[in-house]
Amino acid sequence: MTQSREYHEQRLRAAIFRRAHAEPGSVNDRIPPQFQSCSDDGLICTVSYKLKPEMRNPMGWLHGGVTSAMLDMGMGLLVYYHAGFSLCPTSSMTVNFLRPGRIGGTLLVQSEITFHGRKIFHASSRAWMRDDPENLVATATASYMITRPPLSDPAAEESKTK
């Protein structure tokens, strides 16, 4: 049975909320992504991040490490969802920095699952400023390894409480 876009959107929103708030003070908690959209099959998801002054490098642009974390979170959250809410740490990641991100703006990160097997996922992502969609800030590819059995489905748990 094929699921609808609304189904994937609800579950992706739940996955993002769950991971962003799992550990207060963690990187995911300090740089929480906001859901923007997903493809009909849920294999592509776009999230956004507000670029705050504390995210800048000495030149005043978005810090490369923060950019990398945002790309990793975008891909990792999508993998987390497609792995049945199993924790899937990053096993490798390559980032290409193309131009600086502007503090005060909004960075959009679109991630896509490019391969998934029983234990390994591969994903790619691209990032751009909301007001400049034609110019990429960075791209990335990464591999993720499933290491734990699935957790309960947060979307299902949420619907039980309503």
N, C-alpha and C. Protein backbone atom coordinates (compact mmCIF):
# COMPACT_ATOMS: atom_id res chain seq x y z
N MET A 1 0.84 -1.19 0.00
CA MET A 1 0.00 0.00 0.00
C MET A 1 0.88 1.25 0.00
N THR A 2 0.64 2.16 -0.90
CA THR A 2 1.38 3.40 -0.99
C THR A 2 0.78 4.41 -0.02
N GLN A 3 1.65 5.07 0.73
CA GLN A 3 1.22 6.08 1.69
C GLN A 3 1.13 7.44 1.00
N SER A 4 0.30 8.32 1.56
CA SER A 4 0.12 9.65 0.99
C SER A 4 1.21 10.62 1.47
N ARG A 5 1.30 11.73 0.78
CA ARG A 5 2.23 12.78 1.20
C ARG A 5 1.90 13.24 2.63
N GLU A 6 0.61 13.36 2.95
CA GLU A 6 0.20 13.79 4.29
C GLU A 6 0.70 12.81 5.35
N TYR A 7 0.64 11.53 5.04
CA TYR A 7 1.14 10.50 5.96
C TYR A 7 2.64 10.72 6.22
N HIS A 8 3.43 10.87 5.15
CA HIS A 8 4.87 11.09 5.30
C HIS A 8 5.15 12.40 6.01
N GLU A 9 4.39 13.44 5.68
CA GLU A 9 4.59 14.73 6.34
C GLU A 9 4.36 14.62 7.85
N GLN A 10 3.29 13.99 8.25
CA GLN A 10 3.00 13.85 9.68
C GLN A 10 4.12 13.10 10.39
N ARG A 11 4.56 12.01 9.81
CA ARG A 11 5.60 11.19 10.44
C ARG A 11 6.96 11.90 10.41
N LEU A 12 7.27 12.62 9.35
CA LEU A 12 8.53 13.37 9.30
C LEU A 12 8.52 14.50 10.33
N ARG A 13 7.40 15.19 10.45
CA ARG A 13 7.30 16.25 11.49
C ARG A 13 7.52 15.65 12.88
N ALA A 14 6.93 14.48 13.13
CA ALA A 14 7.09 13.82 14.43
C ALA A 14 8.55 13.41 14.65
N ALA A 15 9.20 12.89 13.61
CA ALA A 15 10.60 12.49 13.72
C ALA A 15 11.48 13.70 14.01
N ILE A 16 11.24 14.79 13.31
CA ILE A 16 12.02 16.01 13.53
C ILE A 16 11.82 16.52 14.95
N PHE A 17 10.59 16.57 15.40
CA PHE A 17 10.32 17.04 16.77
C PHE A 17 10.99 16.14 17.79
N ARG A 18 10.85 14.84 17.59
CA ARG A 18 11.41 13.88 18.55
C ARG A 18 12.93 14.01 18.66
N ARG A 19 13.63 14.05 17.53
CA ARG A 19 15.10 14.13 17.56
C ARG A 19 15.56 15.50 18.02
N ALA A 20 14.86 16.56 17.64
CA ALA A 20 15.29 17.91 18.02
C ALA A 20 15.14 18.15 19.52
N HIS A 21 14.23 17.44 20.16
CA HIS A 21 13.98 17.68 21.58
C HIS A 21 14.33 16.49 22.47
N ALA A 22 15.04 15.51 21.93
CA ALA A 22 15.38 14.32 22.69
C ALA A 22 16.35 14.61 23.83
N GLU A 23 17.29 15.50 23.60
CA GLU A 23 18.32 15.79 24.59
C GLU A 23 18.47 17.30 24.73
N PRO A 24 17.89 17.89 25.78
CA PRO A 24 18.01 19.34 25.96
C PRO A 24 19.48 19.78 25.99
N GLY A 25 19.78 20.83 25.25
CA GLY A 25 21.13 21.36 25.19
C GLY A 25 22.00 20.72 24.13
N SER A 26 21.51 19.67 23.47
CA SER A 26 22.29 19.00 22.42
C SER A 26 22.33 19.87 21.16
N VAL A 27 23.16 19.47 20.19
CA VAL A 27 23.24 20.21 18.93
C VAL A 27 21.86 20.24 18.27
N ASN A 28 21.17 19.10 18.23
CA ASN A 28 19.84 19.07 17.60
C ASN A 28 18.88 20.02 18.30
N ASP A 29 18.99 20.14 19.61
CA ASP A 29 18.13 21.03 20.39
C ASP A 29 18.50 22.51 20.15
N ARG A 30 19.78 22.79 19.99
CA ARG A 30 20.24 24.17 19.81
C ARG A 30 20.07 24.70 18.38
N ILE A 31 20.03 23.77 17.43
CA ILE A 31 19.85 24.15 16.02
C ILE A 31 18.65 23.36 15.49
N PRO A 32 17.46 23.63 15.98
CA PRO A 32 16.31 22.82 15.57
C PRO A 32 15.85 23.11 14.15
N PRO A 33 15.73 22.07 13.35
CA PRO A 33 15.21 22.27 12.00
C PRO A 33 13.70 22.46 12.02
N GLN A 34 13.20 23.17 11.04
CA GLN A 34 11.76 23.35 10.88
C GLN A 34 11.34 22.66 9.57
N PHE A 35 10.33 21.80 9.65
CA PHE A 35 9.84 21.09 8.48
C PHE A 35 9.30 22.10 7.47
N GLN A 36 9.64 21.88 6.18
CA GLN A 36 9.12 22.73 5.10
C GLN A 36 8.25 21.93 4.13
N SER A 37 8.76 20.80 3.66
CA SER A 37 8.01 20.01 2.69
C SER A 37 8.63 18.63 2.54
N CYS A 38 7.88 17.75 1.87
CA CYS A 38 8.42 16.43 1.53
C CYS A 38 7.81 15.98 0.21
N SER A 39 8.47 15.01 -0.41
CA SER A 39 7.97 14.45 -1.67
C SER A 39 6.81 13.51 -1.37
N ASP A 40 6.08 13.14 -2.41
CA ASP A 40 4.94 12.23 -2.24
C ASP A 40 5.34 10.90 -1.61
N ASP A 41 6.54 10.40 -1.92
CA ASP A 41 6.99 9.12 -1.38
C ASP A 41 7.78 9.27 -0.07
N GLY A 42 8.00 10.50 0.39
CA GLY A 42 8.71 10.74 1.64
C GLY A 42 10.20 10.54 1.56
N LEU A 43 10.76 10.33 0.38
CA LEU A 43 12.20 10.10 0.25
C LEU A 43 12.99 11.40 0.11
N ILE A 44 12.30 12.52 -0.06
CA ILE A 44 12.93 13.84 -0.11
C ILE A 44 12.24 14.72 0.92
N CYS A 45 13.03 15.42 1.71
CA CYS A 45 12.47 16.30 2.75
C CYS A 45 13.29 17.59 2.79
N THR A 46 12.59 18.70 2.93
CA THR A 46 13.24 20.01 3.05
C THR A 46 12.93 20.57 4.43
N VAL A 47 13.99 21.02 5.12
CA VAL A 47 13.87 21.66 6.42
C VAL A 47 14.55 23.03 6.33
N SER A 48 14.27 23.89 7.29
CA SER A 48 14.91 25.21 7.31
C SER A 48 15.53 25.47 8.67
N TYR A 49 16.51 26.36 8.66
CA TYR A 49 17.21 26.78 9.88
C TYR A 49 17.35 28.29 9.86
N LYS A 50 17.04 28.93 10.98
CA LYS A 50 17.28 30.37 11.14
C LYS A 50 18.77 30.54 11.49
N LEU A 51 19.46 31.39 10.76
CA LEU A 51 20.90 31.59 10.99
C LEU A 51 21.11 32.73 11.98
N LYS A 52 21.52 32.35 13.19
CA LYS A 52 21.65 33.28 14.31
C LYS A 52 23.09 33.77 14.46
N PRO A 53 23.30 34.92 15.13
CA PRO A 53 24.65 35.47 15.30
C PRO A 53 25.65 34.49 15.93
N GLU A 54 25.21 33.65 16.83
CA GLU A 54 26.14 32.71 17.48
C GLU A 54 26.60 31.59 16.54
N MET A 55 26.06 31.55 15.33
CA MET A 55 26.45 30.53 14.34
C MET A 55 27.52 31.05 13.37
N ARG A 56 28.03 32.27 13.60
CA ARG A 56 28.95 32.87 12.64
C ARG A 56 30.40 32.45 12.91
N ASN A 57 31.19 32.53 11.83
CA ASN A 57 32.62 32.29 11.94
C ASN A 57 33.31 33.65 12.15
N PRO A 58 34.64 33.70 12.28
CA PRO A 58 35.31 34.99 12.50
C PRO A 58 35.10 36.02 11.38
N MET A 59 34.71 35.55 10.18
CA MET A 59 34.47 36.49 9.08
C MET A 59 33.02 36.99 9.06
N GLY A 60 32.18 36.47 9.96
CA GLY A 60 30.80 36.93 10.04
C GLY A 60 29.81 36.11 9.23
N TRP A 61 30.28 35.05 8.57
CA TRP A 61 29.42 34.17 7.78
C TRP A 61 29.04 32.94 8.60
N LEU A 62 28.14 32.12 8.08
CA LEU A 62 27.76 30.87 8.74
C LEU A 62 28.99 29.97 8.86
N HIS A 63 29.26 29.50 10.06
CA HIS A 63 30.41 28.64 10.35
C HIS A 63 30.28 27.32 9.60
N GLY A 64 31.36 26.84 9.02
CA GLY A 64 31.35 25.59 8.27
C GLY A 64 30.93 24.38 9.09
N GLY A 65 31.32 24.34 10.35
CA GLY A 65 30.91 23.24 11.22
C GLY A 65 29.41 23.24 11.47
N VAL A 66 28.84 24.42 11.61
CA VAL A 66 27.39 24.53 11.79
C VAL A 66 26.67 24.14 10.50
N THR A 67 27.22 24.58 9.37
CA THR A 67 26.65 24.19 8.08
C THR A 67 26.65 22.67 7.95
N SER A 68 27.77 22.04 8.29
CA SER A 68 27.88 20.58 8.23
C SER A 68 26.85 19.91 9.14
N ALA A 69 26.70 20.45 10.34
CA ALA A 69 25.72 19.89 11.29
C ALA A 69 24.30 19.99 10.73
N MET A 70 23.98 21.09 10.09
CA MET A 70 22.64 21.28 9.51
C MET A 70 22.39 20.29 8.37
N LEU A 71 23.38 20.10 7.51
CA LEU A 71 23.26 19.13 6.43
C LEU A 71 23.11 17.71 7.00
N ASP A 72 23.93 17.39 7.99
CA ASP A 72 23.88 16.07 8.62
C ASP A 72 22.53 15.83 9.29
N MET A 73 22.02 16.83 9.99
CA MET A 73 20.70 16.68 10.62
C MET A 73 19.61 16.49 9.59
N GLY A 74 19.66 17.26 8.50
CA GLY A 74 18.65 17.12 7.45
C GLY A 74 18.62 15.70 6.91
N MET A 75 19.78 15.18 6.57
CA MET A 75 19.85 13.81 6.04
C MET A 75 19.55 12.79 7.14
N GLY A 76 20.12 13.00 8.31
CA GLY A 76 19.95 12.04 9.41
C GLY A 76 18.51 11.89 9.87
N LEU A 77 17.77 12.98 9.89
CA LEU A 77 16.36 12.90 10.28
C LEU A 77 15.55 12.12 9.26
N LEU A 78 15.86 12.30 8.00
CA LEU A 78 15.18 11.56 6.95
C LEU A 78 15.50 10.06 7.05
N VAL A 79 16.75 9.74 7.32
CA VAL A 79 17.16 8.34 7.51
C VAL A 79 16.48 7.76 8.75
N TYR A 80 16.48 8.51 9.84
CA TYR A 80 15.83 8.07 11.08
C TYR A 80 14.38 7.67 10.82
N TYR A 81 13.66 8.47 10.06
CA TYR A 81 12.28 8.17 9.71
C TYR A 81 12.18 6.90 8.87
N HIS A 82 12.99 6.80 7.84
CA HIS A 82 12.90 5.65 6.93
C HIS A 82 13.49 4.38 7.52
N ALA A 83 14.23 4.49 8.60
CA ALA A 83 14.76 3.31 9.29
C ALA A 83 13.81 2.88 10.40
N GLY A 84 12.58 3.34 10.35
CA GLY A 84 11.60 2.94 11.36
C GLY A 84 11.89 3.51 12.74
N PHE A 85 12.43 4.74 12.78
CA PHE A 85 12.75 5.43 14.02
C PHE A 85 13.87 4.72 14.80
N SER A 86 14.75 4.06 14.06
CA SER A 86 15.97 3.50 14.65
C SER A 86 17.04 4.58 14.65
N LEU A 87 17.89 4.56 15.66
CA LEU A 87 19.01 5.50 15.67
C LEU A 87 20.02 5.05 14.63
N CYS A 88 20.48 6.00 13.84
CA CYS A 88 21.38 5.70 12.71
C CYS A 88 22.51 6.72 12.69
N PRO A 89 23.61 6.47 13.38
CA PRO A 89 24.70 7.45 13.37
C PRO A 89 25.34 7.55 11.99
N THR A 90 25.93 8.72 11.75
CA THR A 90 26.63 8.98 10.51
C THR A 90 27.92 8.16 10.50
N SER A 91 28.13 7.39 9.44
CA SER A 91 29.38 6.63 9.35
C SER A 91 30.40 7.32 8.45
N SER A 92 29.95 8.13 7.51
CA SER A 92 30.86 8.96 6.71
C SER A 92 30.06 10.11 6.12
N MET A 93 30.76 11.22 5.87
CA MET A 93 30.07 12.39 5.31
C MET A 93 31.09 13.24 4.57
N THR A 94 30.70 13.72 3.41
CA THR A 94 31.52 14.64 2.62
C THR A 94 30.70 15.91 2.39
N VAL A 95 31.30 17.05 2.69
CA VAL A 95 30.62 18.34 2.52
C VAL A 95 31.41 19.17 1.52
N ASN A 96 30.69 19.83 0.64
CA ASN A 96 31.27 20.77 -0.31
C ASN A 96 30.71 22.16 0.01
N PHE A 97 31.59 23.08 0.39
CA PHE A 97 31.18 24.45 0.69
C PHE A 97 31.31 25.27 -0.59
N LEU A 98 30.22 25.88 -1.02
CA LEU A 98 30.20 26.58 -2.30
C LEU A 98 30.18 28.10 -2.17
N ARG A 99 29.47 28.60 -1.17
CA ARG A 99 29.45 30.04 -0.91
C ARG A 99 28.97 30.24 0.53
N PRO A 100 29.23 31.40 1.10
CA PRO A 100 28.87 31.61 2.51
C PRO A 100 27.37 31.74 2.77
N GLY A 101 26.95 31.24 3.91
CA GLY A 101 25.58 31.45 4.38
C GLY A 101 25.52 32.76 5.14
N ARG A 102 24.44 33.50 4.98
CA ARG A 102 24.28 34.83 5.58
C ARG A 102 23.58 34.76 6.93
N ILE A 103 24.26 35.21 7.95
CA ILE A 103 23.66 35.30 9.28
C ILE A 103 22.47 36.25 9.20
N GLY A 104 21.38 35.87 9.87
CA GLY A 104 20.15 36.66 9.84
C GLY A 104 19.16 36.12 8.83
N GLY A 105 19.64 35.29 7.91
CA GLY A 105 18.76 34.71 6.90
C GLY A 105 18.29 33.32 7.31
N THR A 106 17.68 32.63 6.37
CA THR A 106 17.18 31.28 6.59
C THR A 106 17.82 30.35 5.57
N LEU A 107 18.41 29.26 6.07
CA LEU A 107 19.02 28.26 5.23
C LEU A 107 18.02 27.12 5.01
N LEU A 108 17.81 26.75 3.76
CA LEU A 108 16.97 25.60 3.43
C LEU A 108 17.88 24.43 3.10
N VAL A 109 17.56 23.27 3.64
CA VAL A 109 18.32 22.05 3.38
C VAL A 109 17.36 21.00 2.84
N GLN A 110 17.62 20.57 1.61
CA GLN A 110 16.80 19.51 1.01
C GLN A 110 17.64 18.23 0.99
N SER A 111 17.11 17.18 1.60
CA SER A 111 17.81 15.90 1.70
C SER A 111 17.03 14.82 0.98
N GLU A 112 17.76 13.83 0.50
CA GLU A 112 17.15 12.73 -0.24
C GLU A 112 17.84 11.41 0.10
N ILE A 113 17.03 10.37 0.31
CA ILE A 113 17.57 9.03 0.48
C ILE A 113 17.95 8.54 -0.92
N THR A 114 19.22 8.19 -1.12
CA THR A 114 19.65 7.71 -2.44
C THR A 114 19.80 6.19 -2.49
N PHE A 115 19.93 5.55 -1.32
CA PHE A 115 20.01 4.09 -1.23
C PHE A 115 19.66 3.68 0.19
N HIS A 116 18.95 2.57 0.33
CA HIS A 116 18.80 2.01 1.67
C HIS A 116 18.77 0.50 1.58
N GLY A 117 19.53 -0.09 2.46
CA GLY A 117 19.58 -1.54 2.60
C GLY A 117 19.12 -1.92 3.99
N ARG A 118 19.47 -3.10 4.43
CA ARG A 118 19.05 -3.54 5.76
C ARG A 118 19.81 -2.82 6.87
N LYS A 119 21.06 -2.46 6.64
CA LYS A 119 21.90 -1.86 7.69
C LYS A 119 22.48 -0.50 7.32
N ILE A 120 22.50 -0.15 6.05
CA ILE A 120 23.14 1.07 5.60
C ILE A 120 22.17 1.93 4.79
N PHE A 121 22.25 3.23 5.00
CA PHE A 121 21.53 4.21 4.19
C PHE A 121 22.55 5.17 3.59
N HIS A 122 22.29 5.62 2.39
CA HIS A 122 23.07 6.70 1.77
C HIS A 122 22.09 7.83 1.49
N ALA A 123 22.57 9.06 1.68
CA ALA A 123 21.72 10.23 1.45
C ALA A 123 22.56 11.35 0.86
N SER A 124 21.87 12.30 0.26
CA SER A 124 22.52 13.50 -0.25
C SER A 124 21.69 14.70 0.18
N SER A 125 22.34 15.86 0.21
CA SER A 125 21.60 17.08 0.56
C SER A 125 22.24 18.27 -0.15
N ARG A 126 21.43 19.32 -0.23
CA ARG A 126 21.90 20.58 -0.78
C ARG A 126 21.26 21.69 0.04
N ALA A 127 21.99 22.79 0.19
CA ALA A 127 21.53 23.90 1.03
C ALA A 127 21.65 25.21 0.27
N TRP A 128 20.68 26.09 0.50
CA TRP A 128 20.68 27.41 -0.12
C TRP A 128 19.95 28.38 0.80
N MET A 129 20.20 29.66 0.59
CA MET A 129 19.50 30.69 1.35
C MET A 129 18.10 30.84 0.77
N ARG A 130 17.11 31.01 1.64
CA ARG A 130 15.71 31.12 1.19
C ARG A 130 15.53 32.19 0.11
N ASP A 131 16.21 33.32 0.29
CA ASP A 131 16.03 34.42 -0.66
C ASP A 131 16.95 34.33 -1.89
N ASP A 132 17.70 33.22 -2.01
CA ASP A 132 18.61 33.05 -3.14
C ASP A 132 18.66 31.57 -3.55
N PRO A 133 17.54 31.02 -4.00
CA PRO A 133 17.46 29.59 -4.28
C PRO A 133 18.33 29.11 -5.45
N GLU A 134 18.78 30.02 -6.29
CA GLU A 134 19.58 29.63 -7.45
C GLU A 134 21.05 29.36 -7.10
N ASN A 135 21.50 29.81 -5.93
CA ASN A 135 22.90 29.69 -5.54
C ASN A 135 23.06 28.81 -4.31
N LEU A 136 23.62 27.63 -4.52
CA LEU A 136 23.81 26.70 -3.40
C LEU A 136 24.89 27.21 -2.45
N VAL A 137 24.65 27.01 -1.16
CA VAL A 137 25.63 27.32 -0.13
C VAL A 137 26.54 26.11 0.07
N ALA A 138 25.96 24.91 0.08
CA ALA A 138 26.75 23.70 0.30
C ALA A 138 25.98 22.48 -0.20
N THR A 139 26.72 21.40 -0.44
CA THR A 139 26.13 20.11 -0.75
C THR A 139 26.82 19.07 0.11
N ALA A 140 26.18 17.92 0.28
CA ALA A 140 26.79 16.85 1.08
C ALA A 140 26.26 15.50 0.66
N THR A 141 27.05 14.48 0.92
CA THR A 141 26.61 13.10 0.81
C THR A 141 27.04 12.42 2.10
N ALA A 142 26.28 11.41 2.52
CA ALA A 142 26.62 10.73 3.76
C ALA A 142 26.08 9.31 3.76
N SER A 143 26.70 8.49 4.61
CA SER A 143 26.24 7.13 4.87
C SER A 143 25.88 7.04 6.35
N TYR A 144 24.83 6.28 6.62
CA TYR A 144 24.34 6.10 7.98
C TYR A 144 24.18 4.61 8.26
N MET A 145 24.48 4.18 9.47
CA MET A 145 24.38 2.78 9.83
C MET A 145 23.31 2.58 10.90
N ILE A 146 22.40 1.65 10.66
CA ILE A 146 21.38 1.33 11.66
C ILE A 146 22.04 0.55 12.78
N THR A 147 21.93 1.05 14.00
CA THR A 147 22.61 0.40 15.13
C THR A 147 21.69 -0.09 16.23
N ARG A 148 20.47 0.35 16.27
CA ARG A 148 19.55 -0.05 17.33
C ARG A 148 18.23 -0.51 16.75
N PRO A 149 17.50 -1.33 17.51
CA PRO A 149 16.16 -1.69 17.05
C PRO A 149 15.26 -0.46 17.03
N PRO A 150 14.20 -0.49 16.24
CA PRO A 150 13.31 0.68 16.14
C PRO A 150 12.72 1.09 17.48
N LEU A 151 12.58 2.38 17.63
CA LEU A 151 11.88 2.94 18.78
C LEU A 151 10.40 2.99 18.44
N SER A 152 9.58 3.34 19.38
CA SER A 152 8.16 3.48 19.06
C SER A 152 7.98 4.62 18.07
N ASP A 153 6.95 4.54 17.29
CA ASP A 153 6.66 5.54 16.27
C ASP A 153 6.07 6.77 16.95
N PRO A 154 6.77 7.92 16.93
CA PRO A 154 6.26 9.10 17.62
C PRO A 154 4.94 9.61 17.07
N ALA A 155 4.72 9.43 15.77
CA ALA A 155 3.45 9.88 15.19
C ALA A 155 2.31 9.03 15.73
N ALA A 156 2.53 7.73 15.86
CA ALA A 156 1.51 6.84 16.40
C ALA A 156 1.27 7.13 17.87
N GLU A 157 2.35 7.36 18.61
CA GLU A 157 2.23 7.66 20.03
C GLU A 157 1.47 8.97 20.23
N GLU A 158 1.77 9.95 19.38
CA GLU A 158 1.09 11.25 19.48
C GLU A 158 -0.40 11.11 19.24
N SER A 159 -0.78 10.29 18.25
CA SER A 159 -2.20 10.15 17.93
C SER A 159 -2.95 9.41 19.03
N LYS A 160 -2.26 8.57 19.80
CA LYS A 160 -2.90 7.84 20.90
C LYS A 160 -3.29 8.79 22.03
N THR A 161 -2.50 9.87 22.19
CA THR A 161 -2.76 10.80 23.29
C THR A 161 -3.82 11.83 22.97
N LYS A 162 -4.23 11.89 21.72
CA LYS A 162 -5.24 12.91 21.33
C LYS A 162 -6.64 12.38 21.50
